[in-house]
Amino acid sequence: MQPFSVHWSQISGEAARRHAAEGLALFALWPSPVSDDACFREAGFTDFGDGDENWDAHAAGLLTRLMAELSSHGVPRLASKPVEGHQPWYRRPFAKPEVRDLRQQIELPMQWDELPDCVVLFGESGTSLRTGSGHHLFWIVLPERDAPAFAELARRVAGPHPVLRTELRWECLA
């Protein structure tokens, strides 16, 4: 298996306008190798492979470091509809379903494309994180003033792993 690495890109054009308001910049950050995926392939990505326990551990560390970095903009709060645990039919009248914790809210839409996107806001600056569509891909919105420092943020979030700036056809993934 290829070594774990972290890719990032600043998104512009229509995709950025759809997901980032005036004065905000949109970025994508994702680990590789990526499980073979038609959307990533169509976007021009080529580093595909199957994950294993090591990949999962590296990806978990990546999310932990990303949350720590984004939390410098403020306390994270879920802005999307929460994903709830499965409730057997016979318990539904008597108990509320269990709401997943914030980390699970972020991770589950990356694994299951039928779940709605997860959106997490950090403070009041417009900083946010979005995941979804069954892709292990983090969509990050930051104030434009912070955009020039994103490459360094990506290096810190990547930890010991290589960091690559990778341009893709974002209309295939956004």
N, C-alpha and C. Protein backbone atom coordinates (compact mmCIF):
# COMPACT_ATOMS: atom_id res chain seq x y z
N MET A 1 0.83 -1.18 0.00
CA MET A 1 0.00 0.00 0.00
C MET A 1 0.88 1.25 0.00
N GLN A 2 0.41 2.27 -0.70
CA GLN A 2 1.14 3.52 -0.77
C GLN A 2 1.19 4.16 0.62
N PRO A 3 2.20 5.01 0.85
CA PRO A 3 2.25 5.68 2.15
C PRO A 3 1.09 6.67 2.32
N PHE A 4 0.67 6.83 3.56
CA PHE A 4 -0.38 7.79 3.89
C PHE A 4 0.16 9.19 3.63
N SER A 5 -0.62 10.00 2.94
CA SER A 5 -0.25 11.39 2.70
C SER A 5 -1.49 12.26 2.77
N VAL A 6 -1.28 13.56 2.83
CA VAL A 6 -2.38 14.50 2.98
C VAL A 6 -2.32 15.48 1.81
N HIS A 7 -3.45 15.66 1.15
CA HIS A 7 -3.56 16.57 0.01
C HIS A 7 -4.43 17.75 0.40
N TRP A 8 -4.18 18.89 -0.25
CA TRP A 8 -5.03 20.05 -0.02
C TRP A 8 -5.10 20.88 -1.29
N SER A 9 -6.13 21.71 -1.34
CA SER A 9 -6.31 22.61 -2.48
C SER A 9 -7.20 23.76 -2.05
N GLN A 10 -6.93 24.94 -2.58
CA GLN A 10 -7.87 26.04 -2.41
C GLN A 10 -8.84 25.96 -3.58
N ILE A 11 -10.12 26.09 -3.28
CA ILE A 11 -11.16 25.96 -4.29
C ILE A 11 -11.60 27.36 -4.72
N SER A 12 -11.77 27.53 -6.02
CA SER A 12 -12.25 28.82 -6.52
C SER A 12 -13.40 28.56 -7.50
N GLY A 13 -13.90 29.61 -8.08
CA GLY A 13 -14.95 29.48 -9.08
C GLY A 13 -16.30 29.17 -8.47
N GLU A 14 -17.14 28.51 -9.26
CA GLU A 14 -18.52 28.22 -8.88
C GLU A 14 -18.61 27.38 -7.60
N ALA A 15 -17.74 26.39 -7.48
CA ALA A 15 -17.77 25.54 -6.28
C ALA A 15 -17.53 26.37 -5.03
N ALA A 16 -16.61 27.30 -5.07
CA ALA A 16 -16.33 28.15 -3.91
C ALA A 16 -17.51 29.07 -3.62
N ARG A 17 -18.11 29.63 -4.65
CA ARG A 17 -19.24 30.53 -4.45
C ARG A 17 -20.45 29.81 -3.84
N ARG A 18 -20.60 28.53 -4.16
CA ARG A 18 -21.72 27.76 -3.60
C ARG A 18 -21.56 27.46 -2.11
N HIS A 19 -20.30 27.37 -1.66
CA HIS A 19 -20.06 26.90 -0.29
C HIS A 19 -19.40 27.92 0.63
N ALA A 20 -18.97 29.04 0.09
CA ALA A 20 -18.31 30.04 0.93
C ALA A 20 -18.85 31.43 0.59
N ALA A 21 -19.34 32.13 1.59
CA ALA A 21 -19.90 33.47 1.39
C ALA A 21 -18.78 34.48 1.10
N GLU A 22 -19.20 35.67 0.73
CA GLU A 22 -18.27 36.77 0.47
C GLU A 22 -17.34 36.95 1.67
N GLY A 23 -16.05 37.11 1.39
CA GLY A 23 -15.07 37.31 2.46
C GLY A 23 -14.54 36.03 3.06
N LEU A 24 -14.98 34.87 2.52
CA LEU A 24 -14.52 33.58 3.02
C LEU A 24 -13.85 32.80 1.91
N ALA A 25 -12.91 31.94 2.28
CA ALA A 25 -12.18 31.10 1.31
C ALA A 25 -12.49 29.64 1.58
N LEU A 26 -12.60 28.84 0.51
CA LEU A 26 -12.91 27.42 0.61
C LEU A 26 -11.68 26.59 0.27
N PHE A 27 -11.43 25.59 1.10
CA PHE A 27 -10.32 24.65 0.91
C PHE A 27 -10.84 23.23 1.00
N ALA A 28 -10.11 22.32 0.35
CA ALA A 28 -10.36 20.88 0.50
C ALA A 28 -9.09 20.26 1.08
N LEU A 29 -9.28 19.29 1.97
CA LEU A 29 -8.16 18.58 2.56
C LEU A 29 -8.58 17.12 2.66
N TRP A 30 -7.71 16.20 2.20
CA TRP A 30 -8.08 14.78 2.23
C TRP A 30 -6.84 13.91 2.31
N PRO A 31 -7.00 12.75 2.95
CA PRO A 31 -5.90 11.79 3.02
C PRO A 31 -5.90 10.86 1.81
N SER A 32 -4.73 10.34 1.53
CA SER A 32 -4.63 9.31 0.48
C SER A 32 -3.69 8.22 0.97
N PRO A 33 -3.80 7.04 0.37
CA PRO A 33 -4.60 6.74 -0.80
C PRO A 33 -6.09 6.76 -0.49
N VAL A 34 -6.87 7.04 -1.52
CA VAL A 34 -8.33 7.07 -1.45
C VAL A 34 -8.85 5.74 -2.01
N SER A 35 -9.88 5.20 -1.38
CA SER A 35 -10.52 4.01 -1.97
C SER A 35 -10.98 4.38 -3.37
N ASP A 36 -10.86 3.45 -4.31
CA ASP A 36 -11.21 3.75 -5.70
C ASP A 36 -12.61 4.35 -5.74
N ASP A 37 -12.72 5.53 -6.34
CA ASP A 37 -13.96 6.29 -6.30
C ASP A 37 -14.14 7.00 -7.64
N ALA A 38 -15.30 6.81 -8.24
CA ALA A 38 -15.57 7.39 -9.56
C ALA A 38 -15.48 8.92 -9.53
N CYS A 39 -15.97 9.56 -8.47
CA CYS A 39 -15.94 11.03 -8.39
C CYS A 39 -14.50 11.54 -8.33
N PHE A 40 -13.66 10.93 -7.48
CA PHE A 40 -12.26 11.33 -7.41
C PHE A 40 -11.55 11.07 -8.73
N ARG A 41 -11.83 9.93 -9.34
CA ARG A 41 -11.20 9.60 -10.63
C ARG A 41 -11.59 10.64 -11.69
N GLU A 42 -12.89 10.98 -11.76
CA GLU A 42 -13.36 11.97 -12.73
C GLU A 42 -12.75 13.35 -12.46
N ALA A 43 -12.46 13.64 -11.20
CA ALA A 43 -11.86 14.92 -10.83
C ALA A 43 -10.38 14.99 -11.19
N GLY A 44 -9.78 13.83 -11.52
CA GLY A 44 -8.38 13.80 -11.92
C GLY A 44 -7.43 13.26 -10.87
N PHE A 45 -7.95 12.70 -9.80
CA PHE A 45 -7.10 12.14 -8.75
C PHE A 45 -6.67 10.74 -9.15
N THR A 46 -5.46 10.33 -8.75
CA THR A 46 -4.92 9.04 -9.19
C THR A 46 -4.37 8.16 -8.07
N ASP A 47 -4.28 8.64 -6.85
CA ASP A 47 -3.67 7.87 -5.76
C ASP A 47 -4.74 7.05 -5.04
N PHE A 48 -5.03 5.88 -5.59
CA PHE A 48 -6.07 5.00 -5.04
C PHE A 48 -5.46 3.78 -4.38
N GLY A 49 -6.14 3.28 -3.36
CA GLY A 49 -5.72 2.07 -2.67
C GLY A 49 -6.70 1.78 -1.55
N ASP A 50 -6.60 0.59 -1.01
CA ASP A 50 -7.48 0.19 0.08
C ASP A 50 -6.84 0.56 1.41
N GLY A 51 -7.66 1.10 2.31
CA GLY A 51 -7.17 1.43 3.64
C GLY A 51 -7.08 0.19 4.51
N ASP A 52 -6.29 0.29 5.55
CA ASP A 52 -6.16 -0.79 6.52
C ASP A 52 -6.19 -0.16 7.91
N GLU A 53 -5.85 -0.91 8.93
CA GLU A 53 -5.89 -0.39 10.30
C GLU A 53 -4.95 0.80 10.47
N ASN A 54 -3.77 0.75 9.84
CA ASN A 54 -2.83 1.87 9.93
C ASN A 54 -3.42 3.11 9.27
N TRP A 55 -4.04 2.94 8.09
CA TRP A 55 -4.66 4.08 7.41
C TRP A 55 -5.74 4.68 8.30
N ASP A 56 -6.58 3.83 8.91
CA ASP A 56 -7.64 4.31 9.80
C ASP A 56 -7.07 5.10 10.97
N ALA A 57 -5.99 4.60 11.56
CA ALA A 57 -5.37 5.30 12.69
C ALA A 57 -4.80 6.65 12.25
N HIS A 58 -4.15 6.68 11.09
CA HIS A 58 -3.61 7.95 10.57
C HIS A 58 -4.74 8.93 10.27
N ALA A 59 -5.83 8.44 9.70
CA ALA A 59 -6.98 9.30 9.38
C ALA A 59 -7.63 9.84 10.66
N ALA A 60 -7.70 9.02 11.69
CA ALA A 60 -8.26 9.47 12.97
C ALA A 60 -7.39 10.58 13.56
N GLY A 61 -6.08 10.42 13.48
CA GLY A 61 -5.16 11.45 13.96
C GLY A 61 -5.30 12.74 13.16
N LEU A 62 -5.48 12.59 11.86
CA LEU A 62 -5.67 13.75 10.99
C LEU A 62 -6.90 14.55 11.43
N LEU A 63 -8.02 13.86 11.68
CA LEU A 63 -9.24 14.54 12.12
C LEU A 63 -9.04 15.19 13.49
N THR A 64 -8.36 14.52 14.40
CA THR A 64 -8.10 15.09 15.72
C THR A 64 -7.32 16.39 15.60
N ARG A 65 -6.26 16.38 14.79
CA ARG A 65 -5.44 17.59 14.62
C ARG A 65 -6.22 18.69 13.89
N LEU A 66 -7.04 18.31 12.91
CA LEU A 66 -7.85 19.30 12.19
C LEU A 66 -8.83 19.98 13.14
N MET A 67 -9.50 19.21 13.97
CA MET A 67 -10.45 19.78 14.93
C MET A 67 -9.74 20.73 15.91
N ALA A 68 -8.55 20.37 16.34
CA ALA A 68 -7.78 21.24 17.24
C ALA A 68 -7.43 22.56 16.55
N GLU A 69 -7.00 22.48 15.30
CA GLU A 69 -6.65 23.70 14.55
C GLU A 69 -7.87 24.59 14.35
N LEU A 70 -8.97 24.01 13.89
CA LEU A 70 -10.16 24.82 13.62
C LEU A 70 -10.78 25.35 14.90
N SER A 71 -10.60 24.65 16.00
CA SER A 71 -11.14 25.11 17.28
C SER A 71 -10.46 26.38 17.77
N SER A 72 -9.33 26.75 17.18
CA SER A 72 -8.71 28.03 17.53
C SER A 72 -9.58 29.20 17.08
N HIS A 73 -10.55 28.93 16.18
CA HIS A 73 -11.49 29.96 15.72
C HIS A 73 -12.73 30.04 16.60
N GLY A 74 -12.89 29.11 17.51
CA GLY A 74 -14.03 29.11 18.41
C GLY A 74 -14.50 27.70 18.70
N VAL A 75 -15.41 27.58 19.62
CA VAL A 75 -15.94 26.28 20.04
C VAL A 75 -16.74 25.67 18.89
N PRO A 76 -16.48 24.40 18.56
CA PRO A 76 -17.23 23.76 17.47
C PRO A 76 -18.68 23.49 17.87
N ARG A 77 -19.58 23.72 16.91
CA ARG A 77 -20.99 23.39 17.15
C ARG A 77 -21.60 22.86 15.86
N LEU A 78 -22.39 21.83 16.00
CA LEU A 78 -23.03 21.20 14.86
C LEU A 78 -24.09 22.13 14.29
N ALA A 79 -24.03 22.40 12.99
CA ALA A 79 -24.99 23.28 12.34
C ALA A 79 -25.95 22.51 11.44
N SER A 80 -25.67 21.25 11.19
CA SER A 80 -26.51 20.42 10.32
C SER A 80 -27.40 19.54 11.19
N LYS A 81 -28.33 18.87 10.54
CA LYS A 81 -29.22 17.95 11.26
C LYS A 81 -28.38 16.81 11.84
N PRO A 82 -28.54 16.52 13.13
CA PRO A 82 -27.74 15.46 13.73
C PRO A 82 -28.13 14.07 13.24
N VAL A 83 -27.13 13.21 13.13
CA VAL A 83 -27.36 11.81 12.81
C VAL A 83 -27.68 11.09 14.12
N GLU A 84 -28.75 10.33 14.10
CA GLU A 84 -29.17 9.61 15.30
C GLU A 84 -28.91 8.12 15.13
N GLY A 85 -28.72 7.44 16.25
CA GLY A 85 -28.54 6.00 16.24
C GLY A 85 -29.84 5.30 15.87
N HIS A 86 -29.73 4.08 15.41
CA HIS A 86 -30.91 3.28 15.05
C HIS A 86 -31.71 2.96 16.30
N GLN A 87 -33.00 3.11 16.19
CA GLN A 87 -33.92 2.82 17.29
C GLN A 87 -34.88 1.72 16.83
N PRO A 88 -34.95 0.58 17.51
CA PRO A 88 -35.92 -0.44 17.12
C PRO A 88 -37.34 0.12 17.16
N TRP A 89 -38.19 -0.33 16.29
CA TRP A 89 -39.55 0.21 16.17
C TRP A 89 -40.33 0.17 17.47
N TYR A 90 -40.12 -0.89 18.25
CA TYR A 90 -40.90 -1.05 19.47
C TYR A 90 -40.45 -0.10 20.59
N ARG A 91 -39.29 0.52 20.46
CA ARG A 91 -38.81 1.47 21.49
C ARG A 91 -39.12 2.90 21.11
N ARG A 92 -39.44 3.16 19.85
CA ARG A 92 -39.64 4.53 19.37
C ARG A 92 -40.67 5.32 20.17
N PRO A 93 -41.80 4.72 20.58
CA PRO A 93 -42.77 5.52 21.35
C PRO A 93 -42.28 5.87 22.77
N PHE A 94 -41.27 5.16 23.27
CA PHE A 94 -40.89 5.31 24.67
C PHE A 94 -39.54 5.97 24.90
N ALA A 95 -38.72 6.07 23.90
CA ALA A 95 -37.38 6.62 24.10
C ALA A 95 -36.93 7.41 22.88
N LYS A 96 -36.21 8.48 23.14
CA LYS A 96 -35.65 9.27 22.05
C LYS A 96 -34.42 8.55 21.50
N PRO A 97 -34.18 8.66 20.20
CA PRO A 97 -32.99 8.02 19.65
C PRO A 97 -31.72 8.70 20.17
N GLU A 98 -30.66 7.93 20.24
CA GLU A 98 -29.37 8.44 20.69
C GLU A 98 -28.77 9.31 19.58
N VAL A 99 -28.38 10.53 19.93
CA VAL A 99 -27.70 11.41 18.99
C VAL A 99 -26.21 11.11 19.06
N ARG A 100 -25.60 10.91 17.92
CA ARG A 100 -24.16 10.59 17.86
C ARG A 100 -23.33 11.78 18.34
N ASP A 101 -22.12 11.51 18.83
CA ASP A 101 -21.26 12.61 19.28
C ASP A 101 -20.70 13.35 18.06
N LEU A 102 -20.07 14.50 18.29
CA LEU A 102 -19.63 15.37 17.21
C LEU A 102 -18.66 14.67 16.26
N ARG A 103 -17.75 13.93 16.79
CA ARG A 103 -16.79 13.22 15.93
C ARG A 103 -17.52 12.24 15.01
N GLN A 104 -18.46 11.50 15.55
CA GLN A 104 -19.23 10.57 14.71
C GLN A 104 -20.07 11.33 13.69
N GLN A 105 -20.59 12.49 14.06
CA GLN A 105 -21.35 13.31 13.11
C GLN A 105 -20.48 13.65 11.90
N ILE A 106 -19.21 13.93 12.16
CA ILE A 106 -18.27 14.28 11.09
C ILE A 106 -17.89 13.06 10.27
N GLU A 107 -17.62 11.94 10.93
CA GLU A 107 -17.11 10.75 10.25
C GLU A 107 -18.17 9.97 9.46
N LEU A 108 -19.36 9.83 9.99
CA LEU A 108 -20.35 8.97 9.34
C LEU A 108 -20.71 9.40 7.91
N PRO A 109 -20.90 10.70 7.61
CA PRO A 109 -21.21 11.07 6.22
C PRO A 109 -20.06 10.84 5.24
N MET A 110 -18.84 10.65 5.76
CA MET A 110 -17.72 10.31 4.89
C MET A 110 -17.75 8.83 4.53
N GLN A 111 -18.43 8.04 5.34
CA GLN A 111 -18.50 6.61 5.11
C GLN A 111 -19.77 6.20 4.38
N TRP A 112 -20.86 6.94 4.56
CA TRP A 112 -22.16 6.58 4.02
C TRP A 112 -22.70 7.75 3.21
N ASP A 113 -22.76 7.60 1.90
CA ASP A 113 -23.20 8.71 1.06
C ASP A 113 -24.69 9.00 1.15
N GLU A 114 -25.47 8.11 1.78
CA GLU A 114 -26.90 8.38 1.91
C GLU A 114 -27.21 9.30 3.10
N LEU A 115 -26.22 9.56 3.95
CA LEU A 115 -26.42 10.49 5.06
C LEU A 115 -26.25 11.93 4.58
N PRO A 116 -26.96 12.86 5.21
CA PRO A 116 -26.78 14.27 4.82
C PRO A 116 -25.40 14.76 5.23
N ASP A 117 -24.94 15.82 4.57
CA ASP A 117 -23.66 16.41 4.93
C ASP A 117 -23.66 16.84 6.39
N CYS A 118 -22.50 16.79 6.98
CA CYS A 118 -22.29 17.31 8.33
C CYS A 118 -21.61 18.66 8.19
N VAL A 119 -22.14 19.67 8.88
CA VAL A 119 -21.54 21.00 8.90
C VAL A 119 -21.29 21.38 10.34
N VAL A 120 -20.04 21.75 10.63
CA VAL A 120 -19.65 22.18 11.96
C VAL A 120 -19.13 23.60 11.85
N LEU A 121 -19.65 24.49 12.69
CA LEU A 121 -19.20 25.89 12.74
C LEU A 121 -18.25 26.05 13.91
N PHE A 122 -17.27 26.95 13.74
CA PHE A 122 -16.29 27.24 14.78
C PHE A 122 -16.34 28.73 15.07
N GLY A 123 -16.88 29.11 16.21
CA GLY A 123 -16.96 30.51 16.56
C GLY A 123 -17.87 31.28 15.62
N GLU A 124 -17.59 32.57 15.48
CA GLU A 124 -18.44 33.47 14.69
C GLU A 124 -17.73 34.04 13.47
N SER A 125 -16.54 33.55 13.14
CA SER A 125 -15.74 34.13 12.05
C SER A 125 -16.15 33.63 10.67
N GLY A 126 -17.03 32.63 10.61
CA GLY A 126 -17.38 32.00 9.33
C GLY A 126 -16.61 30.72 9.09
N THR A 127 -15.71 30.37 9.99
CA THR A 127 -14.93 29.13 9.86
C THR A 127 -15.86 27.93 10.02
N SER A 128 -15.74 26.99 9.08
CA SER A 128 -16.59 25.79 9.16
C SER A 128 -15.88 24.59 8.54
N LEU A 129 -16.42 23.44 8.86
CA LEU A 129 -15.96 22.16 8.33
C LEU A 129 -17.20 21.43 7.83
N ARG A 130 -17.10 20.87 6.61
CA ARG A 130 -18.21 20.09 6.05
C ARG A 130 -17.66 18.76 5.56
N THR A 131 -18.42 17.69 5.81
CA THR A 131 -18.08 16.37 5.27
C THR A 131 -19.35 15.77 4.69
N GLY A 132 -19.19 14.80 3.79
CA GLY A 132 -20.36 14.12 3.24
C GLY A 132 -20.10 13.44 1.93
N SER A 133 -21.16 12.96 1.33
CA SER A 133 -21.14 12.31 0.01
C SER A 133 -20.34 11.02 -0.03
N GLY A 134 -20.06 10.45 1.14
CA GLY A 134 -19.31 9.20 1.17
C GLY A 134 -17.84 9.34 0.81
N HIS A 135 -17.33 10.58 0.81
CA HIS A 135 -15.91 10.83 0.48
C HIS A 135 -15.16 11.23 1.74
N HIS A 136 -13.96 10.67 1.92
CA HIS A 136 -13.13 11.08 3.05
C HIS A 136 -12.44 12.37 2.62
N LEU A 137 -13.18 13.45 2.73
CA LEU A 137 -12.77 14.76 2.21
C LEU A 137 -13.32 15.81 3.16
N PHE A 138 -12.45 16.72 3.60
CA PHE A 138 -12.85 17.79 4.49
C PHE A 138 -12.94 19.08 3.68
N TRP A 139 -14.11 19.71 3.69
CA TRP A 139 -14.32 21.02 3.07
C TRP A 139 -14.20 22.04 4.20
N ILE A 140 -13.24 22.95 4.08
CA ILE A 140 -12.94 23.89 5.15
C ILE A 140 -13.14 25.30 4.64
N VAL A 141 -13.92 26.08 5.37
CA VAL A 141 -14.14 27.48 5.04
C VAL A 141 -13.46 28.32 6.12
N LEU A 142 -12.65 29.27 5.67
CA LEU A 142 -11.94 30.17 6.58
C LEU A 142 -12.13 31.61 6.12
N PRO A 143 -11.97 32.58 7.02
CA PRO A 143 -11.96 33.97 6.58
C PRO A 143 -10.81 34.17 5.57
N GLU A 144 -11.04 35.00 4.55
CA GLU A 144 -10.02 35.22 3.52
C GLU A 144 -8.69 35.66 4.11
N ARG A 145 -8.72 36.41 5.21
CA ARG A 145 -7.47 36.86 5.83
C ARG A 145 -6.60 35.69 6.28
N ASP A 146 -7.21 34.52 6.53
CA ASP A 146 -6.47 33.34 6.97
C ASP A 146 -6.05 32.43 5.81
N ALA A 147 -6.52 32.73 4.60
CA ALA A 147 -6.24 31.86 3.45
C ALA A 147 -4.75 31.70 3.16
N PRO A 148 -3.93 32.76 3.22
CA PRO A 148 -2.50 32.57 2.90
C PRO A 148 -1.79 31.61 3.84
N ALA A 149 -2.32 31.40 5.03
CA ALA A 149 -1.68 30.51 6.02
C ALA A 149 -2.19 29.08 5.93
N PHE A 150 -3.05 28.76 4.95
CA PHE A 150 -3.62 27.41 4.91
C PHE A 150 -2.56 26.34 4.65
N ALA A 151 -1.57 26.61 3.83
CA ALA A 151 -0.52 25.60 3.57
C ALA A 151 0.15 25.19 4.87
N GLU A 152 0.42 26.14 5.74
CA GLU A 152 1.04 25.82 7.03
C GLU A 152 0.06 25.06 7.93
N LEU A 153 -1.22 25.43 7.91
CA LEU A 153 -2.23 24.70 8.66
C LEU A 153 -2.27 23.25 8.18
N ALA A 154 -2.23 23.04 6.87
CA ALA A 154 -2.25 21.68 6.32
C ALA A 154 -1.05 20.89 6.80
N ARG A 155 0.12 21.52 6.88
CA ARG A 155 1.32 20.82 7.37
C ARG A 155 1.16 20.41 8.84
N ARG A 156 0.60 21.30 9.65
CA ARG A 156 0.40 20.96 11.07
C ARG A 156 -0.61 19.84 11.20
N VAL A 157 -1.70 19.91 10.45
CA VAL A 157 -2.75 18.89 10.51
C VAL A 157 -2.23 17.54 10.02
N ALA A 158 -1.35 17.55 9.03
CA ALA A 158 -0.81 16.30 8.48
C ALA A 158 0.10 15.58 9.47
N GLY A 159 0.63 16.31 10.44
CA GLY A 159 1.53 15.69 11.39
C GLY A 159 2.77 15.16 10.69
N PRO A 160 3.11 13.88 10.87
CA PRO A 160 4.33 13.33 10.29
C PRO A 160 4.21 12.92 8.82
N HIS A 161 3.06 13.13 8.22
CA HIS A 161 2.81 12.63 6.87
C HIS A 161 3.11 13.68 5.81
N PRO A 162 3.49 13.24 4.61
CA PRO A 162 3.76 14.19 3.53
C PRO A 162 2.51 14.99 3.17
N VAL A 163 2.73 16.24 2.77
CA VAL A 163 1.65 17.13 2.38
C VAL A 163 1.85 17.54 0.93
N LEU A 164 0.78 17.44 0.14
CA LEU A 164 0.84 17.77 -1.28
C LEU A 164 -0.29 18.72 -1.64
N ARG A 165 0.05 19.79 -2.35
CA ARG A 165 -1.01 20.63 -2.91
C ARG A 165 -1.43 19.98 -4.21
N THR A 166 -2.70 19.64 -4.32
CA THR A 166 -3.21 18.88 -5.46
C THR A 166 -4.42 19.59 -6.04
N GLU A 167 -4.34 19.97 -7.29
CA GLU A 167 -5.46 20.63 -7.96
C GLU A 167 -6.29 19.57 -8.68
N LEU A 168 -7.59 19.64 -8.51
CA LEU A 168 -8.53 18.71 -9.15
C LEU A 168 -9.62 19.49 -9.85
N ARG A 169 -10.44 18.80 -10.60
CA ARG A 169 -11.64 19.40 -11.21
C ARG A 169 -12.74 19.33 -10.15
N TRP A 170 -12.87 20.39 -9.38
CA TRP A 170 -13.72 20.37 -8.18
C TRP A 170 -15.20 20.26 -8.48
N GLU A 171 -15.61 20.62 -9.67
CA GLU A 171 -17.04 20.49 -9.98
C GLU A 171 -17.48 19.03 -9.94
N CYS A 172 -16.54 18.09 -10.03
CA CYS A 172 -16.86 16.66 -9.94
C CYS A 172 -17.08 16.20 -8.49
N LEU A 173 -16.57 16.95 -7.54
CA LEU A 173 -16.66 16.55 -6.14
C LEU A 173 -17.47 17.50 -5.27
N ALA A 174 -17.55 18.75 -5.66
CA ALA A 174 -18.21 19.76 -4.80
C ALA A 174 -19.72 19.69 -4.91
